[in-house]
Protein backbone atom coordinates (compact mmCIF):
# COMPACT_ATOMS: atom_id res chain seq x y z
CA UNK A 1 0.00 0.00 0.00
CA UNK A 2 1.09 3.53 -0.57
CA UNK A 3 0.37 6.93 0.86
CA UNK A 4 -2.98 8.13 -0.43
CA UNK A 5 -4.34 11.64 -0.32
CA UNK A 6 -7.50 13.15 -1.67
CA UNK A 7 -5.39 15.47 -3.84
CA UNK A 8 -3.45 12.55 -5.33
CA UNK A 9 -6.62 10.58 -6.11
CA UNK A 10 -8.44 13.63 -7.46
CA UNK A 11 -5.59 14.33 -9.87
CA UNK A 12 -5.70 10.72 -11.07
CA UNK A 13 -9.39 10.97 -11.96
CA UNK A 14 -9.23 14.61 -13.14
CA UNK A 15 -11.55 16.04 -10.49
CA UNK A 16 -11.08 18.71 -7.86
CA UNK A 17 -10.32 17.34 -4.37
CA UNK A 18 -13.48 18.93 -2.92
CA UNK A 19 -15.70 17.50 -5.62
CA UNK A 20 -14.18 14.03 -5.29
CA UNK A 21 -14.66 14.10 -1.50
CA UNK A 22 -18.28 15.19 -1.87
CA UNK A 23 -19.01 12.66 -4.59
CA UNK A 24 -17.39 9.81 -2.65
CA UNK A 25 -19.31 10.61 0.52
CA UNK A 26 -22.58 10.84 -1.42
CA UNK A 27 -22.05 7.50 -3.17
CA UNK A 28 -20.33 5.51 -0.40
CA UNK A 29 -21.94 7.08 2.66
CA UNK A 30 -18.55 7.59 4.31
CA UNK A 31 -15.52 9.78 3.84
CA UNK A 32 -12.69 8.64 1.63
CA UNK A 33 -10.27 8.76 4.57
CA UNK A 34 -12.53 6.58 6.73
CA UNK A 35 -12.93 4.11 3.87
CA UNK A 36 -9.17 3.88 3.32
CA UNK A 37 -8.55 3.45 7.05
CA UNK A 38 -11.16 0.68 7.39
CA UNK A 39 -9.76 -1.10 4.34
CA UNK A 40 -6.20 -0.94 5.68
CA UNK A 41 -7.28 -2.17 9.13
CA UNK A 42 -9.22 -5.04 7.49
CA UNK A 43 -6.07 -6.15 5.66
CA UNK A 44 -3.98 -5.72 8.81
CA UNK A 45 -6.37 -7.99 10.73
CA UNK A 46 -6.09 -10.60 7.99
CA UNK A 47 -2.28 -10.43 8.06
CA UNK A 48 -2.24 -10.65 11.85
CA UNK A 49 -4.39 -13.79 11.70
CA UNK A 50 -2.74 -15.50 8.75
CA UNK A 51 0.95 -14.66 9.03
CA UNK A 52 3.85 -14.43 11.41
CA UNK A 53 4.96 -11.03 10.11
CA UNK A 54 6.12 -8.50 12.66
CA UNK A 55 3.69 -5.71 13.56
CA UNK A 56 6.10 -3.23 11.93
CA UNK A 57 6.03 -5.23 8.69
CA UNK A 58 2.24 -5.41 8.71
CA UNK A 59 1.97 -1.68 9.32
CA UNK A 60 4.20 -1.03 6.31
CA UNK A 61 2.35 -3.53 4.11
CA UNK A 62 -0.98 -1.81 4.75
CA UNK A 63 0.40 1.69 4.19
CA UNK A 64 1.61 3.03 7.53
CA UNK A 65 5.24 4.01 7.95
CA UNK A 66 4.87 4.89 11.64
CA UNK A 67 4.17 1.73 13.67
CA UNK A 68 3.13 3.75 16.73
CA UNK A 69 0.50 5.59 14.71
CA UNK A 70 -0.66 2.30 13.17
CA UNK A 71 -0.96 0.70 16.63
CA UNK A 72 -2.92 3.68 17.99
CA UNK A 73 -5.26 3.70 14.99
CA UNK A 74 -5.69 -0.08 15.07
CA UNK A 75 -6.64 0.01 18.75
CA UNK A 76 -9.10 2.85 18.11
CA UNK A 77 -10.78 0.95 15.26
CA UNK A 78 -10.67 -2.60 16.64
CA UNK A 79 -10.62 -2.12 20.40
CA UNK A 80 -7.44 -4.15 20.88
CA UNK A 81 -3.81 -3.59 20.05
CA UNK A 82 -2.44 -5.52 17.07
CA UNK A 83 -0.57 -7.85 19.46
CA UNK A 84 -3.70 -8.54 21.54
CA UNK A 85 -5.71 -9.12 18.37
CA UNK A 86 -3.15 -11.63 17.14
CA UNK A 87 -3.11 -13.46 20.48
CA UNK A 88 -6.88 -14.00 20.50
PDB file of N, CA and C in Angstrom:
ATOM      1  N   UNK A   1       0.848  -1.173   0.000  1.00  0.00           N
ATOM      2  CA  UNK A   1       0.000   0.000   0.000  1.00  0.00           C
ATOM      3  C   UNK A   1       0.889   1.230   0.000  1.00  0.00           C
ATOM      4  N   UNK A   2       0.334   2.286  -0.487  1.00  0.00           N
ATOM      5  CA  UNK A   2       1.086   3.526  -0.571  1.00  0.00           C
ATOM      6  C   UNK A   2       0.320   4.640   0.118  1.00  0.00           C
ATOM      7  N   UNK A   3       1.009   5.751   0.303  1.00  0.00           N
ATOM      8  CA  UNK A   3       0.366   6.932   0.864  1.00  0.00           C
ATOM      9  C   UNK A   3      -0.720   7.381  -0.110  1.00  0.00           C
ATOM     10  N   UNK A   4      -1.889   7.654   0.411  1.00  0.00           N
ATOM     11  CA  UNK A   4      -2.982   8.129  -0.425  1.00  0.00           C
ATOM     12  C   UNK A   4      -3.480   9.446   0.137  1.00  0.00           C
ATOM     13  N   UNK A   5      -3.741  10.381  -0.733  1.00  0.00           N
ATOM     14  CA  UNK A   5      -4.344  11.636  -0.315  1.00  0.00           C
ATOM     15  C   UNK A   5      -5.471  11.958  -1.280  1.00  0.00           C
ATOM     16  N   UNK A   6      -6.384  12.754  -0.818  1.00  0.00           N
ATOM     17  CA  UNK A   6      -7.499  13.145  -1.671  1.00  0.00           C
ATOM     18  C   UNK A   6      -6.997  13.913  -2.888  1.00  0.00           C
ATOM     19  N   UNK A   7      -5.952  14.708  -2.709  1.00  0.00           N
ATOM     20  CA  UNK A   7      -5.391  15.469  -3.837  1.00  0.00           C
ATOM     21  C   UNK A   7      -4.792  14.534  -4.883  1.00  0.00           C
ATOM     22  N   UNK A   8      -4.067  13.526  -4.423  1.00  0.00           N
ATOM     23  CA  UNK A   8      -3.454  12.554  -5.333  1.00  0.00           C
ATOM     24  C   UNK A   8      -4.539  11.821  -6.131  1.00  0.00           C
ATOM     25  N   UNK A   9      -5.552  11.329  -5.430  1.00  0.00           N
ATOM     26  CA  UNK A   9      -6.617  10.585  -6.105  1.00  0.00           C
ATOM     27  C   UNK A   9      -7.419  11.481  -7.048  1.00  0.00           C
ATOM     28  N   UNK A  10      -7.689  12.701  -6.610  1.00  0.00           N
ATOM     29  CA  UNK A  10      -8.445  13.629  -7.462  1.00  0.00           C
ATOM     30  C   UNK A  10      -7.697  13.915  -8.758  1.00  0.00           C
ATOM     31  N   UNK A  11      -6.390  14.084  -8.660  1.00  0.00           N
ATOM     32  CA  UNK A  11      -5.595  14.326  -9.866  1.00  0.00           C
ATOM     33  C   UNK A  11      -5.648  13.127 -10.807  1.00  0.00           C
ATOM     34  N   UNK A  12      -5.649  11.930 -10.237  1.00  0.00           N
ATOM     35  CA  UNK A  12      -5.696  10.719 -11.072  1.00  0.00           C
ATOM     36  C   UNK A  12      -6.998  10.597 -11.853  1.00  0.00           C
ATOM     37  N   UNK A  13      -8.096  11.088 -11.283  1.00  0.00           N
ATOM     38  CA  UNK A  13      -9.391  10.969 -11.963  1.00  0.00           C
ATOM     39  C   UNK A  13      -9.866  12.305 -12.534  1.00  0.00           C
ATOM     40  N   UNK A  14      -8.975  13.305 -12.533  1.00  0.00           N
ATOM     41  CA  UNK A  14      -9.230  14.607 -13.143  1.00  0.00           C
ATOM     42  C   UNK A  14     -10.443  15.319 -12.548  1.00  0.00           C
ATOM     43  N   UNK A  15     -10.514  15.317 -11.210  1.00  0.00           N
ATOM     44  CA  UNK A  15     -11.549  16.037 -10.486  1.00  0.00           C
ATOM     45  C   UNK A  15     -10.890  16.917  -9.438  1.00  0.00           C
ATOM     46  N   UNK A  16     -11.621  17.904  -8.949  1.00  0.00           N
ATOM     47  CA  UNK A  16     -11.081  18.709  -7.855  1.00  0.00           C
ATOM     48  C   UNK A  16     -11.177  17.881  -6.564  1.00  0.00           C
ATOM     49  N   UNK A  17     -10.266  18.096  -5.630  1.00  0.00           N
ATOM     50  CA  UNK A  17     -10.322  17.344  -4.371  1.00  0.00           C
ATOM     51  C   UNK A  17     -11.656  17.506  -3.642  1.00  0.00           C
ATOM     52  N   UNK A  18     -12.198  18.716  -3.604  1.00  0.00           N
ATOM     53  CA  UNK A  18     -13.477  18.934  -2.917  1.00  0.00           C
ATOM     54  C   UNK A  18     -14.614  18.172  -3.587  1.00  0.00           C
ATOM     55  N   UNK A  19     -14.635  18.197  -4.910  1.00  0.00           N
ATOM     56  CA  UNK A  19     -15.702  17.498  -5.623  1.00  0.00           C
ATOM     57  C   UNK A  19     -15.579  15.985  -5.430  1.00  0.00           C
ATOM     58  N   UNK A  20     -14.374  15.466  -5.499  1.00  0.00           N
ATOM     59  CA  UNK A  20     -14.181  14.033  -5.286  1.00  0.00           C
ATOM     60  C   UNK A  20     -14.630  13.633  -3.892  1.00  0.00           C
ATOM     61  N   UNK A  21     -14.270  14.411  -2.881  1.00  0.00           N
ATOM     62  CA  UNK A  21     -14.658  14.103  -1.499  1.00  0.00           C
ATOM     63  C   UNK A  21     -16.180  14.104  -1.349  1.00  0.00           C
ATOM     64  N   UNK A  22     -16.823  15.100  -1.932  1.00  0.00           N
ATOM     65  CA  UNK A  22     -18.282  15.191  -1.871  1.00  0.00           C
ATOM     66  C   UNK A  22     -18.940  14.032  -2.600  1.00  0.00           C
ATOM     67  N   UNK A  23     -18.461  13.747  -3.788  1.00  0.00           N
ATOM     68  CA  UNK A  23     -19.008  12.658  -4.591  1.00  0.00           C
ATOM     69  C   UNK A  23     -18.829  11.308  -3.893  1.00  0.00           C
ATOM     70  N   UNK A  24     -17.644  11.075  -3.337  1.00  0.00           N
ATOM     71  CA  UNK A  24     -17.386   9.806  -2.653  1.00  0.00           C
ATOM     72  C   UNK A  24     -18.319   9.644  -1.452  1.00  0.00           C
ATOM     73  N   UNK A  25     -18.448  10.692  -0.657  1.00  0.00           N
ATOM     74  CA  UNK A  25     -19.312  10.608   0.524  1.00  0.00           C
ATOM     75  C   UNK A  25     -20.765  10.369   0.118  1.00  0.00           C
ATOM     76  N   UNK A  26     -21.203  11.012  -0.948  1.00  0.00           N
ATOM     77  CA  UNK A  26     -22.581  10.839  -1.425  1.00  0.00           C
ATOM     78  C   UNK A  26     -22.818   9.398  -1.878  1.00  0.00           C
ATOM     79  N   UNK A  27     -21.886   8.841  -2.619  1.00  0.00           N
ATOM     80  CA  UNK A  27     -22.054   7.498  -3.172  1.00  0.00           C
ATOM     81  C   UNK A  27     -21.775   6.385  -2.154  1.00  0.00           C
ATOM     82  N   UNK A  28     -20.747   6.573  -1.314  1.00  0.00           N
ATOM     83  CA  UNK A  28     -20.328   5.507  -0.400  1.00  0.00           C
ATOM     84  C   UNK A  28     -20.914   5.664   1.005  1.00  0.00           C
ATOM     85  N   UNK A  29     -21.382   6.858   1.338  1.00  0.00           N
ATOM     86  CA  UNK A  29     -21.940   7.077   2.661  1.00  0.00           C
ATOM     87  C   UNK A  29     -20.895   7.246   3.754  1.00  0.00           C
ATOM     88  N   UNK A  30     -19.649   7.392   3.366  1.00  0.00           N
ATOM     89  CA  UNK A  30     -18.547   7.591   4.309  1.00  0.00           C
ATOM     90  C   UNK A  30     -17.483   8.443   3.639  1.00  0.00           C
ATOM     91  N   UNK A  31     -16.587   8.986   4.442  1.00  0.00           N
ATOM     92  CA  UNK A  31     -15.524   9.777   3.838  1.00  0.00           C
ATOM     93  C   UNK A  31     -14.480   8.857   3.214  1.00  0.00           C
ATOM     94  N   UNK A  32     -13.753   9.408   2.282  1.00  0.00           N
ATOM     95  CA  UNK A  32     -12.692   8.641   1.631  1.00  0.00           C
ATOM     96  C   UNK A  32     -11.636   8.204   2.649  1.00  0.00           C
ATOM     97  N   UNK A  33     -11.268   9.110   3.560  1.00  0.00           N
ATOM     98  CA  UNK A  33     -10.268   8.762   4.574  1.00  0.00           C
ATOM     99  C   UNK A  33     -10.738   7.624   5.474  1.00  0.00           C
ATOM    100  N   UNK A  34     -12.005   7.664   5.892  1.00  0.00           N
ATOM    101  CA  UNK A  34     -12.534   6.581   6.727  1.00  0.00           C
ATOM    102  C   UNK A  34     -12.549   5.254   5.963  1.00  0.00           C
ATOM    103  N   UNK A  35     -12.908   5.324   4.701  1.00  0.00           N
ATOM    104  CA  UNK A  35     -12.931   4.115   3.872  1.00  0.00           C
ATOM    105  C   UNK A  35     -11.526   3.510   3.738  1.00  0.00           C
ATOM    106  N   UNK A  36     -10.547   4.354   3.467  1.00  0.00           N
ATOM    107  CA  UNK A  36      -9.172   3.875   3.320  1.00  0.00           C
ATOM    108  C   UNK A  36      -8.682   3.281   4.642  1.00  0.00           C
ATOM    109  N   UNK A  37      -8.966   3.961   5.744  1.00  0.00           N
ATOM    110  CA  UNK A  37      -8.550   3.451   7.053  1.00  0.00           C
ATOM    111  C   UNK A  37      -9.182   2.096   7.341  1.00  0.00           C
ATOM    112  N   UNK A  38     -10.478   1.965   7.145  1.00  0.00           N
ATOM    113  CA  UNK A  38     -11.158   0.681   7.394  1.00  0.00           C
ATOM    114  C   UNK A  38     -10.595  -0.432   6.505  1.00  0.00           C
ATOM    115  N   UNK A  39     -10.311  -0.101   5.253  1.00  0.00           N
ATOM    116  CA  UNK A  39      -9.757  -1.096   4.340  1.00  0.00           C
ATOM    117  C   UNK A  39      -8.370  -1.535   4.797  1.00  0.00           C
ATOM    118  N   UNK A  40      -7.543  -0.604   5.205  1.00  0.00           N
ATOM    119  CA  UNK A  40      -6.197  -0.938   5.677  1.00  0.00           C
ATOM    120  C   UNK A  40      -6.258  -1.770   6.958  1.00  0.00           C
ATOM    121  N   UNK A  41      -7.145  -1.415   7.879  1.00  0.00           N
ATOM    122  CA  UNK A  41      -7.277  -2.173   9.127  1.00  0.00           C
ATOM    123  C   UNK A  41      -7.797  -3.583   8.831  1.00  0.00           C
ATOM    124  N   UNK A  42      -8.719  -3.715   7.899  1.00  0.00           N
ATOM    125  CA  UNK A  42      -9.220  -5.036   7.492  1.00  0.00           C
ATOM    126  C   UNK A  42      -8.066  -5.918   7.022  1.00  0.00           C
ATOM    127  N   UNK A  43      -7.200  -5.378   6.180  1.00  0.00           N
ATOM    128  CA  UNK A  43      -6.067  -6.147   5.662  1.00  0.00           C
ATOM    129  C   UNK A  43      -5.054  -6.437   6.768  1.00  0.00           C
ATOM    130  N   UNK A  44      -4.886  -5.492   7.677  1.00  0.00           N
ATOM    131  CA  UNK A  44      -3.978  -5.719   8.807  1.00  0.00           C
ATOM    132  C   UNK A  44      -4.497  -6.869   9.682  1.00  0.00           C
ATOM    133  N   UNK A  45      -5.787  -6.899   9.937  1.00  0.00           N
ATOM    134  CA  UNK A  45      -6.370  -7.991  10.730  1.00  0.00           C
ATOM    135  C   UNK A  45      -6.145  -9.333  10.049  1.00  0.00           C
ATOM    136  N   UNK A  46      -6.310  -9.363   8.743  1.00  0.00           N
ATOM    137  CA  UNK A  46      -6.088 -10.599   7.992  1.00  0.00           C
ATOM    138  C   UNK A  46      -4.629 -11.042   8.114  1.00  0.00           C
ATOM    139  N   UNK A  47      -3.703 -10.097   7.946  1.00  0.00           N
ATOM    140  CA  UNK A  47      -2.281 -10.435   8.058  1.00  0.00           C
ATOM    141  C   UNK A  47      -1.918 -10.873   9.476  1.00  0.00           C
ATOM    142  N   UNK A  48      -2.508 -10.253  10.466  1.00  0.00           N
ATOM    143  CA  UNK A  48      -2.238 -10.652  11.853  1.00  0.00           C
ATOM    144  C   UNK A  48      -2.718 -12.075  12.113  1.00  0.00           C
ATOM    145  N   UNK A  49      -3.824 -12.443  11.506  1.00  0.00           N
ATOM    146  CA  UNK A  49      -4.394 -13.786  11.704  1.00  0.00           C
ATOM    147  C   UNK A  49      -3.696 -14.864  10.889  1.00  0.00           C
ATOM    148  N   UNK A  50      -3.220 -14.496   9.702  1.00  0.00           N
ATOM    149  CA  UNK A  50      -2.742 -15.504   8.755  1.00  0.00           C
ATOM    150  C   UNK A  50      -1.234 -15.543   8.563  1.00  0.00           C
ATOM    151  N   UNK A  51      -0.494 -14.672   9.243  1.00  0.00           N
ATOM    152  CA  UNK A  51       0.953 -14.659   9.025  1.00  0.00           C
ATOM    153  C   UNK A  51       1.699 -14.487  10.338  1.00  0.00           C
ATOM    154  N   UNK A  52       2.989 -14.658  10.257  1.00  0.00           N
ATOM    155  CA  UNK A  52       3.854 -14.431  11.410  1.00  0.00           C
ATOM    156  C   UNK A  52       4.685 -13.163  11.222  1.00  0.00           C
ATOM    157  N   UNK A  53       4.242 -12.283  10.337  1.00  0.00           N
ATOM    158  CA  UNK A  53       4.961 -11.034  10.107  1.00  0.00           C
ATOM    159  C   UNK A  53       4.983 -10.198  11.381  1.00  0.00           C
ATOM    160  N   UNK A  54       6.037  -9.423  11.545  1.00  0.00           N
ATOM    161  CA  UNK A  54       6.125  -8.497  12.664  1.00  0.00           C
ATOM    162  C   UNK A  54       5.089  -7.393  12.493  1.00  0.00           C
ATOM    163  N   UNK A  55       4.664  -6.800  13.608  1.00  0.00           N
ATOM    164  CA  UNK A  55       3.689  -5.711  13.561  1.00  0.00           C
ATOM    165  C   UNK A  55       4.203  -4.587  12.662  1.00  0.00           C
ATOM    166  N   UNK A  56       5.477  -4.268  12.762  1.00  0.00           N
ATOM    167  CA  UNK A  56       6.100  -3.227  11.927  1.00  0.00           C
ATOM    168  C   UNK A  56       5.938  -3.568  10.442  1.00  0.00           C
ATOM    169  N   UNK A  57       6.157  -4.813  10.086  1.00  0.00           N
ATOM    170  CA  UNK A  57       6.033  -5.233   8.688  1.00  0.00           C
ATOM    171  C   UNK A  57       4.588  -5.127   8.211  1.00  0.00           C
ATOM    172  N   UNK A  58       3.660  -5.496   9.069  1.00  0.00           N
ATOM    173  CA  UNK A  58       2.243  -5.411   8.707  1.00  0.00           C
ATOM    174  C   UNK A  58       1.837  -3.957   8.525  1.00  0.00           C
ATOM    175  N   UNK A  59       2.279  -3.106   9.438  1.00  0.00           N
ATOM    176  CA  UNK A  59       1.975  -1.677   9.319  1.00  0.00           C
ATOM    177  C   UNK A  59       2.448  -1.145   7.968  1.00  0.00           C
ATOM    178  N   UNK A  60       3.663  -1.492   7.593  1.00  0.00           N
ATOM    179  CA  UNK A  60       4.203  -1.030   6.315  1.00  0.00           C
ATOM    180  C   UNK A  60       3.435  -1.614   5.135  1.00  0.00           C
ATOM    181  N   UNK A  61       3.078  -2.887   5.221  1.00  0.00           N
ATOM    182  CA  UNK A  61       2.354  -3.526   4.110  1.00  0.00           C
ATOM    183  C   UNK A  61       0.983  -2.904   3.866  1.00  0.00           C
ATOM    184  N   UNK A  62       0.346  -2.403   4.924  1.00  0.00           N
ATOM    185  CA  UNK A  62      -0.979  -1.807   4.746  1.00  0.00           C
ATOM    186  C   UNK A  62      -0.930  -0.286   4.596  1.00  0.00           C
ATOM    187  N   UNK A  63       0.272   0.280   4.548  1.00  0.00           N
ATOM    188  CA  UNK A  63       0.403   1.689   4.189  1.00  0.00           C
ATOM    189  C   UNK A  63       0.766   2.656   5.296  1.00  0.00           C
ATOM    190  N   UNK A  64       1.223   2.146   6.435  1.00  0.00           N
ATOM    191  CA  UNK A  64       1.611   3.031   7.531  1.00  0.00           C
ATOM    192  C   UNK A  64       3.106   2.906   7.792  1.00  0.00           C
ATOM    193  N   UNK A  65       3.804   4.023   7.708  1.00  0.00           N
ATOM    194  CA  UNK A  65       5.244   4.014   7.953  1.00  0.00           C
ATOM    195  C   UNK A  65       5.560   4.099   9.437  1.00  0.00           C
ATOM    196  N   UNK A  66       4.668   4.701  10.204  1.00  0.00           N
ATOM    197  CA  UNK A  66       4.867   4.887  11.637  1.00  0.00           C
ATOM    198  C   UNK A  66       4.099   3.813  12.402  1.00  0.00           C
ATOM    199  N   UNK A  67       4.814   2.851  12.981  1.00  0.00           N
ATOM    200  CA  UNK A  67       4.171   1.728  13.665  1.00  0.00           C
ATOM    201  C   UNK A  67       3.403   2.192  14.899  1.00  0.00           C
ATOM    202  N   UNK A  68       3.865   3.241  15.566  1.00  0.00           N
ATOM    203  CA  UNK A  68       3.134   3.753  16.735  1.00  0.00           C
ATOM    204  C   UNK A  68       1.778   4.322  16.323  1.00  0.00           C
ATOM    205  N   UNK A  69       1.757   5.050  15.218  1.00  0.00           N
ATOM    206  CA  UNK A  69       0.497   5.586  14.711  1.00  0.00           C
ATOM    207  C   UNK A  69      -0.425   4.446  14.285  1.00  0.00           C
ATOM    208  N   UNK A  70       0.124   3.461  13.591  1.00  0.00           N
ATOM    209  CA  UNK A  70      -0.657   2.299  13.173  1.00  0.00           C
ATOM    210  C   UNK A  70      -1.269   1.607  14.384  1.00  0.00           C
ATOM    211  N   UNK A  71      -0.480   1.392  15.429  1.00  0.00           N
ATOM    212  CA  UNK A  71      -0.960   0.698  16.627  1.00  0.00           C
ATOM    213  C   UNK A  71      -2.079   1.498  17.296  1.00  0.00           C
ATOM    214  N   UNK A  72      -1.902   2.806  17.394  1.00  0.00           N
ATOM    215  CA  UNK A  72      -2.918   3.678  17.992  1.00  0.00           C
ATOM    216  C   UNK A  72      -4.215   3.632  17.184  1.00  0.00           C
ATOM    217  N   UNK A  73      -4.102   3.736  15.872  1.00  0.00           N
ATOM    218  CA  UNK A  73      -5.263   3.703  14.987  1.00  0.00           C
ATOM    219  C   UNK A  73      -5.948   2.335  15.024  1.00  0.00           C
ATOM    220  N   UNK A  74      -5.146   1.274  15.014  1.00  0.00           N
ATOM    221  CA  UNK A  74      -5.693  -0.085  15.065  1.00  0.00           C
ATOM    222  C   UNK A  74      -6.508  -0.265  16.342  1.00  0.00           C
ATOM    223  N   UNK A  75      -5.945   0.157  17.473  1.00  0.00           N
ATOM    224  CA  UNK A  75      -6.640   0.010  18.754  1.00  0.00           C
ATOM    225  C   UNK A  75      -7.931   0.821  18.767  1.00  0.00           C
ATOM    226  N   UNK A  76      -7.892   2.013  18.190  1.00  0.00           N
ATOM    227  CA  UNK A  76      -9.095   2.849  18.115  1.00  0.00           C
ATOM    228  C   UNK A  76     -10.185   2.171  17.286  1.00  0.00           C
ATOM    229  N   UNK A  77      -9.809   1.571  16.170  1.00  0.00           N
ATOM    230  CA  UNK A  77     -10.778   0.953  15.258  1.00  0.00           C
ATOM    231  C   UNK A  77     -11.268  -0.418  15.734  1.00  0.00           C
ATOM    232  N   UNK A  78     -10.363  -1.209  16.314  1.00  0.00           N
ATOM    233  CA  UNK A  78     -10.671  -2.604  16.639  1.00  0.00           C
ATOM    234  C   UNK A  78     -11.000  -2.796  18.125  1.00  0.00           C
ATOM    235  N   UNK A  79     -10.412  -1.971  18.967  1.00  0.00           N
ATOM    236  CA  UNK A  79     -10.625  -2.116  20.396  1.00  0.00           C
ATOM    237  C   UNK A  79      -9.504  -2.855  21.104  1.00  0.00           C
ATOM    238  N   UNK A  80      -8.612  -3.443  20.350  1.00  0.00           N
ATOM    239  CA  UNK A  80      -7.441  -4.154  20.878  1.00  0.00           C
ATOM    240  C   UNK A  80      -6.206  -3.691  20.119  1.00  0.00           C
ATOM    241  N   UNK A  81      -5.057  -3.857  20.746  1.00  0.00           N
ATOM    242  CA  UNK A  81      -3.806  -3.587  20.047  1.00  0.00           C
ATOM    243  C   UNK A  81      -3.581  -4.692  19.012  1.00  0.00           C
ATOM    244  N   UNK A  82      -2.720  -4.454  18.039  1.00  0.00           N
ATOM    245  CA  UNK A  82      -2.441  -5.524  17.070  1.00  0.00           C
ATOM    246  C   UNK A  82      -1.937  -6.806  17.747  1.00  0.00           C
ATOM    247  N   UNK A  83      -1.092  -6.675  18.764  1.00  0.00           N
ATOM    248  CA  UNK A  83      -0.574  -7.849  19.464  1.00  0.00           C
ATOM    249  C   UNK A  83      -1.700  -8.616  20.168  1.00  0.00           C
ATOM    250  N   UNK A  84      -2.575  -7.896  20.855  1.00  0.00           N
ATOM    251  CA  UNK A  84      -3.705  -8.541  21.544  1.00  0.00           C
ATOM    252  C   UNK A  84      -4.648  -9.193  20.538  1.00  0.00           C
ATOM    253  N   UNK A  85      -4.861  -8.546  19.418  1.00  0.00           N
ATOM    254  CA  UNK A  85      -5.715  -9.119  18.373  1.00  0.00           C
ATOM    255  C   UNK A  85      -5.126 -10.425  17.865  1.00  0.00           C
ATOM    256  N   UNK A  86      -3.822 -10.429  17.634  1.00  0.00           N
ATOM    257  CA  UNK A  86      -3.154 -11.626  17.138  1.00  0.00           C
ATOM    258  C   UNK A  86      -3.227 -12.760  18.155  1.00  0.00           C
ATOM    259  N   UNK A  87      -3.114 -12.442  19.427  1.00  0.00           N
ATOM    260  CA  UNK A  87      -3.107 -13.460  20.483  1.00  0.00           C
ATOM    261  C   UNK A  87      -4.472 -14.064  20.770  1.00  0.00           C
ATOM    262  N   UNK A  88      -5.528 -13.474  20.255  1.00  0.00           N
ATOM    263  CA  UNK A  88      -6.879 -14.003  20.502  1.00  0.00           C
ATOM    264  C   UNK A  88      -7.088 -15.344  19.862  1.00  0.00           C
TER     265      UNK A  88
END
